[in-house]
């Protein structure tokens, strides 16, 4: 055993990134990120895949902004 810590990764479904509006992506990533965060002392957000070029840039940026929002919420709390 290397350490007493494990990684906890929350996957963001590519369908969410591909099919939804940016505001929906933002809200869902914040919700999922907070859910993951409540289960562990840390989190990483990713798509589980590389981000294909057909993902709307606005949705990818919404995911990034959601992660920043999770951090802001945690720093306030």
Protein backbone atom coordinates (compact mmCIF):
# COMPACT_ATOMS: atom_id res chain seq x y z
CA UNK A 1 0.00 0.00 0.00
CA UNK A 2 1.44 3.33 -1.02
CA UNK A 3 -0.69 5.59 1.17
CA UNK A 4 -3.98 5.83 3.02
CA UNK A 5 -5.48 8.01 0.32
CA UNK A 6 -7.38 7.06 -2.79
CA UNK A 7 -8.36 9.07 -5.81
CA UNK A 8 -12.04 9.80 -6.36
CA UNK A 9 -12.89 10.87 -9.89
CA UNK A 10 -16.27 12.10 -11.06
CA UNK A 11 -16.99 11.53 -14.69
CA UNK A 12 -18.87 14.08 -16.72
CA UNK A 13 -20.91 12.37 -19.40
CA UNK A 14 -20.01 13.42 -22.94
CA UNK A 15 -23.72 13.46 -23.78
CA UNK A 16 -24.15 16.26 -21.24
CA UNK A 17 -21.32 18.22 -22.83
CA UNK A 18 -22.51 17.52 -26.34
CA UNK A 19 -26.29 17.87 -26.16
CA UNK A 20 -27.19 20.33 -23.42
CA UNK A 21 -27.12 24.10 -23.20
CA UNK A 22 -24.13 25.71 -21.44
CA UNK A 23 -26.23 26.74 -18.42
CA UNK A 24 -27.43 23.15 -17.98
CA UNK A 25 -23.85 21.89 -18.24
CA UNK A 26 -22.79 24.42 -15.60
CA UNK A 27 -25.59 23.52 -13.19
CA UNK A 28 -25.14 19.77 -13.57
CA UNK A 29 -21.37 19.89 -13.13
CA UNK A 30 -21.78 22.01 -9.98
CA UNK A 31 -24.35 19.54 -8.65
CA UNK A 32 -22.25 16.49 -9.46
CA UNK A 33 -19.07 18.11 -8.19
CA UNK A 34 -20.68 18.92 -4.85
CA UNK A 35 -22.07 15.40 -4.63
CA UNK A 36 -18.63 13.91 -5.31
CA UNK A 37 -17.06 16.36 -2.86
CA UNK A 38 -19.44 15.30 -0.09
CA UNK A 39 -18.22 11.71 -0.51
CA UNK A 40 -14.50 12.47 -0.43
CA UNK A 41 -12.00 15.08 0.66
CA UNK A 42 -11.14 15.91 -2.93
CA UNK A 43 -12.31 15.46 -6.46
CA UNK A 44 -11.26 15.68 -10.07
CA UNK A 45 -13.67 16.45 -12.87
CA UNK A 46 -13.20 14.93 -16.28
CA UNK A 47 -15.12 13.50 -19.16
CA UNK A 48 -13.64 10.00 -18.95
CA UNK A 49 -12.47 10.54 -22.52
CA UNK A 50 -10.54 13.15 -24.38
CA UNK A 51 -12.78 16.03 -25.36
CA UNK A 52 -13.71 15.53 -29.03
CA UNK A 53 -13.75 18.49 -31.36
CA UNK A 54 -17.52 18.19 -31.85
CA UNK A 55 -18.18 19.26 -28.24
CA UNK A 56 -19.36 22.88 -28.32
CA UNK A 57 -16.64 25.13 -26.94
CA UNK A 58 -19.25 26.97 -24.84
CA UNK A 59 -20.15 23.71 -23.07
CA UNK A 60 -16.53 22.83 -22.35
CA UNK A 61 -16.00 26.31 -20.94
CA UNK A 62 -19.20 25.94 -18.86
CA UNK A 63 -17.72 22.78 -17.33
CA UNK A 64 -14.53 24.65 -16.43
CA UNK A 65 -16.50 27.55 -14.93
CA UNK A 66 -18.56 25.07 -12.89
CA UNK A 67 -15.39 23.63 -11.37
CA UNK A 68 -14.29 27.16 -10.46
CA UNK A 69 -17.71 27.75 -8.88
CA UNK A 70 -17.38 24.60 -6.78
CA UNK A 71 -14.08 25.96 -5.48
CA UNK A 72 -15.66 29.38 -4.71
CA UNK A 73 -18.51 27.68 -2.82
CA UNK A 74 -16.06 25.62 -0.78
CA UNK A 75 -13.90 28.62 0.09
CA UNK A 76 -17.00 30.49 1.36
CA UNK A 77 -18.23 27.52 3.40
